[in-house]
Amino acid sequence: MSFPLLTATAALPAIGAIATAAVPAARRTAAKWLALLFSLGTLVLAAVVFLRFEPGGDRYQLTESRAWIADFGVRYELGVDGIGVAL
């Protein structure tokens, strides 16, 4: 099982927003640094996605697939194509 790169790239900004919002208003500078840290982490993950993408393929790449609600056959699936990797 490999690292869920696309999930981490999508989830890190949301986690950063929640963490930054939890910082008290009196610690405004700390909140700015925390937001910058999460932004840079997201940038690094996005760069890794971009560098791992191989153009020219006709299928989704860097795919992730996990059973979510197995009793109902619901799965969590994520992948990226040429347009998605540019976004």
N, C-alpha and C. Protein backbone atom coordinates (compact mmCIF):
# COMPACT_ATOMS: atom_id res chain seq x y z
N MET A 1 0.86 -1.18 0.00
CA MET A 1 0.00 0.00 0.00
C MET A 1 0.90 1.24 0.00
N SER A 2 0.63 2.13 -0.90
CA SER A 2 1.45 3.33 -1.02
C SER A 2 0.80 4.51 -0.29
N PHE A 3 1.56 5.57 -0.17
CA PHE A 3 1.07 6.79 0.49
C PHE A 3 -0.06 7.40 -0.34
N PRO A 4 -1.18 7.77 0.28
CA PRO A 4 -2.32 8.36 -0.45
C PRO A 4 -2.04 9.82 -0.82
N LEU A 5 -1.26 10.01 -1.85
CA LEU A 5 -0.75 11.33 -2.23
C LEU A 5 -1.87 12.30 -2.60
N LEU A 6 -2.82 11.86 -3.41
CA LEU A 6 -3.91 12.76 -3.83
C LEU A 6 -4.82 13.12 -2.66
N THR A 7 -5.10 12.16 -1.80
CA THR A 7 -5.93 12.44 -0.63
C THR A 7 -5.23 13.45 0.28
N ALA A 8 -3.95 13.26 0.50
CA ALA A 8 -3.20 14.20 1.35
C ALA A 8 -3.16 15.59 0.73
N THR A 9 -2.99 15.65 -0.59
CA THR A 9 -2.95 16.94 -1.28
C THR A 9 -4.29 17.67 -1.16
N ALA A 10 -5.37 16.93 -1.19
CA ALA A 10 -6.70 17.54 -1.08
C ALA A 10 -7.07 17.87 0.36
N ALA A 11 -6.63 17.05 1.31
CA ALA A 11 -7.04 17.23 2.71
C ALA A 11 -6.18 18.23 3.48
N LEU A 12 -4.92 18.38 3.11
CA LEU A 12 -4.02 19.24 3.87
C LEU A 12 -4.49 20.69 3.98
N PRO A 13 -5.01 21.31 2.92
CA PRO A 13 -5.51 22.69 3.08
C PRO A 13 -6.68 22.79 4.06
N ALA A 14 -7.56 21.81 4.06
CA ALA A 14 -8.70 21.83 4.99
C ALA A 14 -8.22 21.67 6.43
N ILE A 15 -7.27 20.77 6.64
CA ILE A 15 -6.71 20.59 7.98
C ILE A 15 -6.00 21.87 8.42
N GLY A 16 -5.28 22.49 7.51
CA GLY A 16 -4.59 23.74 7.82
C GLY A 16 -5.56 24.86 8.16
N ALA A 17 -6.68 24.93 7.45
CA ALA A 17 -7.67 25.96 7.73
C ALA A 17 -8.27 25.78 9.12
N ILE A 18 -8.56 24.54 9.48
CA ILE A 18 -9.12 24.27 10.80
C ILE A 18 -8.09 24.59 11.89
N ALA A 19 -6.84 24.18 11.67
CA ALA A 19 -5.79 24.45 12.65
C ALA A 19 -5.54 25.95 12.80
N THR A 20 -5.53 26.66 11.69
CA THR A 20 -5.31 28.11 11.74
C THR A 20 -6.47 28.82 12.43
N ALA A 21 -7.68 28.38 12.17
CA ALA A 21 -8.85 28.98 12.81
C ALA A 21 -8.88 28.73 14.31
N ALA A 22 -8.22 27.67 14.75
CA ALA A 22 -8.20 27.34 16.17
C ALA A 22 -7.20 28.17 16.96
N VAL A 23 -6.32 28.88 16.28
CA VAL A 23 -5.33 29.73 16.96
C VAL A 23 -6.05 30.97 17.49
N PRO A 24 -5.82 31.31 18.76
CA PRO A 24 -6.48 32.49 19.34
C PRO A 24 -6.13 33.77 18.59
N ALA A 25 -7.05 34.71 18.59
CA ALA A 25 -6.87 35.98 17.88
C ALA A 25 -5.65 36.75 18.39
N ALA A 26 -5.31 36.58 19.65
CA ALA A 26 -4.17 37.29 20.23
C ALA A 26 -2.84 36.78 19.65
N ARG A 27 -2.85 35.61 19.07
CA ARG A 27 -1.63 35.02 18.49
C ARG A 27 -1.67 35.10 16.97
N ARG A 28 -1.92 36.27 16.47
CA ARG A 28 -2.11 36.49 15.04
C ARG A 28 -0.87 36.10 14.22
N THR A 29 0.30 36.42 14.72
CA THR A 29 1.53 36.07 14.01
C THR A 29 1.70 34.56 13.92
N ALA A 30 1.38 33.87 14.99
CA ALA A 30 1.47 32.40 14.98
C ALA A 30 0.51 31.81 13.96
N ALA A 31 -0.67 32.38 13.85
CA ALA A 31 -1.65 31.90 12.88
C ALA A 31 -1.13 32.09 11.45
N LYS A 32 -0.48 33.20 11.20
CA LYS A 32 0.08 33.45 9.86
C LYS A 32 1.17 32.44 9.52
N TRP A 33 2.03 32.15 10.49
CA TRP A 33 3.10 31.19 10.25
C TRP A 33 2.54 29.78 10.06
N LEU A 34 1.52 29.45 10.83
CA LEU A 34 0.89 28.14 10.69
C LEU A 34 0.24 27.99 9.31
N ALA A 35 -0.43 29.04 8.87
CA ALA A 35 -1.05 29.02 7.54
C ALA A 35 0.01 28.89 6.45
N LEU A 36 1.12 29.59 6.62
CA LEU A 36 2.22 29.48 5.65
C LEU A 36 2.79 28.07 5.62
N LEU A 37 2.95 27.46 6.78
CA LEU A 37 3.48 26.10 6.87
C LEU A 37 2.58 25.11 6.12
N PHE A 38 1.27 25.21 6.35
CA PHE A 38 0.35 24.31 5.66
C PHE A 38 0.32 24.60 4.16
N SER A 39 0.43 25.85 3.78
CA SER A 39 0.45 26.20 2.36
C SER A 39 1.69 25.64 1.67
N LEU A 40 2.83 25.74 2.32
CA LEU A 40 4.05 25.19 1.75
C LEU A 40 3.99 23.66 1.67
N GLY A 41 3.41 23.04 2.68
CA GLY A 41 3.22 21.58 2.65
C GLY A 41 2.35 21.15 1.48
N THR A 42 1.28 21.91 1.24
CA THR A 42 0.40 21.63 0.12
C THR A 42 1.14 21.83 -1.20
N LEU A 43 1.95 22.87 -1.28
CA LEU A 43 2.74 23.12 -2.49
C LEU A 43 3.70 21.97 -2.77
N VAL A 44 4.34 21.46 -1.75
CA VAL A 44 5.27 20.35 -1.92
C VAL A 44 4.53 19.11 -2.42
N LEU A 45 3.38 18.80 -1.81
CA LEU A 45 2.61 17.64 -2.26
C LEU A 45 2.13 17.81 -3.70
N ALA A 46 1.68 19.00 -4.05
CA ALA A 46 1.23 19.26 -5.42
C ALA A 46 2.39 19.12 -6.41
N ALA A 47 3.58 19.55 -6.01
CA ALA A 47 4.75 19.41 -6.88
C ALA A 47 5.10 17.94 -7.09
N VAL A 48 4.98 17.14 -6.03
CA VAL A 48 5.25 15.70 -6.15
C VAL A 48 4.24 15.06 -7.10
N VAL A 49 2.96 15.43 -6.98
CA VAL A 49 1.94 14.92 -7.90
C VAL A 49 2.31 15.29 -9.33
N PHE A 50 2.66 16.53 -9.55
CA PHE A 50 3.01 17.00 -10.89
C PHE A 50 4.22 16.25 -11.46
N LEU A 51 5.23 16.03 -10.63
CA LEU A 51 6.44 15.36 -11.10
C LEU A 51 6.24 13.87 -11.34
N ARG A 52 5.33 13.24 -10.60
CA ARG A 52 5.06 11.82 -10.79
C ARG A 52 4.13 11.55 -11.98
N PHE A 53 3.43 12.56 -12.44
CA PHE A 53 2.49 12.39 -13.54
C PHE A 53 3.26 12.16 -14.84
N GLU A 54 2.82 11.16 -15.61
CA GLU A 54 3.44 10.85 -16.89
C GLU A 54 2.48 11.22 -18.01
N PRO A 55 2.75 12.29 -18.74
CA PRO A 55 1.84 12.72 -19.80
C PRO A 55 1.81 11.71 -20.95
N GLY A 56 0.71 11.74 -21.67
CA GLY A 56 0.59 10.86 -22.82
C GLY A 56 -0.26 9.63 -22.57
N GLY A 57 -0.60 9.37 -21.35
CA GLY A 57 -1.44 8.22 -21.04
C GLY A 57 -2.91 8.55 -21.25
N ASP A 58 -3.71 7.50 -21.45
CA ASP A 58 -5.14 7.72 -21.64
C ASP A 58 -5.95 7.28 -20.43
N ARG A 59 -5.31 7.04 -19.33
CA ARG A 59 -6.00 6.60 -18.12
C ARG A 59 -5.65 7.54 -16.96
N TYR A 60 -6.46 7.40 -15.90
CA TYR A 60 -6.15 8.15 -14.68
C TYR A 60 -4.85 7.63 -14.09
N GLN A 61 -4.11 8.52 -13.47
CA GLN A 61 -2.85 8.13 -12.85
C GLN A 61 -2.89 8.46 -11.36
N LEU A 62 -1.93 7.90 -10.64
CA LEU A 62 -1.81 8.10 -9.19
C LEU A 62 -3.12 7.75 -8.49
N THR A 63 -3.77 6.70 -8.93
CA THR A 63 -5.10 6.35 -8.43
C THR A 63 -5.04 5.79 -7.02
N GLU A 64 -6.12 6.03 -6.30
CA GLU A 64 -6.32 5.49 -4.96
C GLU A 64 -7.70 4.86 -4.94
N SER A 65 -7.83 3.72 -4.32
CA SER A 65 -9.12 3.05 -4.24
C SER A 65 -9.22 2.32 -2.91
N ARG A 66 -10.24 2.64 -2.14
CA ARG A 66 -10.45 2.01 -0.84
C ARG A 66 -11.93 1.70 -0.66
N ALA A 67 -12.22 0.60 -0.01
CA ALA A 67 -13.61 0.31 0.35
C ALA A 67 -14.02 1.30 1.43
N TRP A 68 -15.21 1.88 1.26
CA TRP A 68 -15.67 2.88 2.23
C TRP A 68 -16.82 2.29 3.04
N ILE A 69 -17.93 2.01 2.40
CA ILE A 69 -19.05 1.36 3.06
C ILE A 69 -19.26 0.04 2.33
N ALA A 70 -18.55 -0.98 2.79
CA ALA A 70 -18.49 -2.25 2.08
C ALA A 70 -19.86 -2.91 1.93
N ASP A 71 -20.72 -2.77 2.93
CA ASP A 71 -22.04 -3.41 2.87
C ASP A 71 -22.88 -2.90 1.70
N PHE A 72 -22.65 -1.69 1.28
CA PHE A 72 -23.40 -1.10 0.17
C PHE A 72 -22.57 -1.02 -1.11
N GLY A 73 -21.36 -1.52 -1.08
CA GLY A 73 -20.50 -1.49 -2.25
C GLY A 73 -19.96 -0.11 -2.58
N VAL A 74 -19.92 0.78 -1.59
CA VAL A 74 -19.44 2.14 -1.81
C VAL A 74 -17.92 2.17 -1.65
N ARG A 75 -17.26 2.78 -2.61
CA ARG A 75 -15.80 2.88 -2.58
C ARG A 75 -15.36 4.34 -2.69
N TYR A 76 -14.20 4.61 -2.17
CA TYR A 76 -13.55 5.92 -2.31
C TYR A 76 -12.48 5.74 -3.37
N GLU A 77 -12.64 6.42 -4.50
CA GLU A 77 -11.67 6.30 -5.58
C GLU A 77 -11.27 7.69 -6.04
N LEU A 78 -9.99 7.85 -6.28
CA LEU A 78 -9.45 9.14 -6.66
C LEU A 78 -8.32 8.92 -7.66
N GLY A 79 -8.25 9.76 -8.67
CA GLY A 79 -7.19 9.69 -9.67
C GLY A 79 -7.05 11.05 -10.33
N VAL A 80 -6.02 11.21 -11.11
CA VAL A 80 -5.78 12.49 -11.76
C VAL A 80 -5.49 12.25 -13.25
N ASP A 81 -6.01 13.17 -14.07
CA ASP A 81 -5.73 13.11 -15.51
C ASP A 81 -4.92 14.35 -15.89
N GLY A 82 -4.72 14.55 -17.17
CA GLY A 82 -3.87 15.65 -17.64
C GLY A 82 -4.37 17.02 -17.26
N ILE A 83 -5.68 17.23 -17.31
CA ILE A 83 -6.23 18.53 -16.94
C ILE A 83 -6.19 18.71 -15.42
N GLY A 84 -6.53 17.67 -14.69
CA GLY A 84 -6.55 17.73 -13.23
C GLY A 84 -5.18 18.00 -12.63
N VAL A 85 -4.14 17.43 -13.22
CA VAL A 85 -2.80 17.64 -12.67
C VAL A 85 -2.36 19.09 -12.87
N ALA A 86 -2.86 19.73 -13.90
CA ALA A 86 -2.50 21.14 -14.13
C ALA A 86 -3.23 22.07 -13.17
N LEU A 87 -4.34 21.63 -12.65
CA LEU A 87 -5.10 22.47 -11.73
C LEU A 87 -4.54 22.34 -10.34
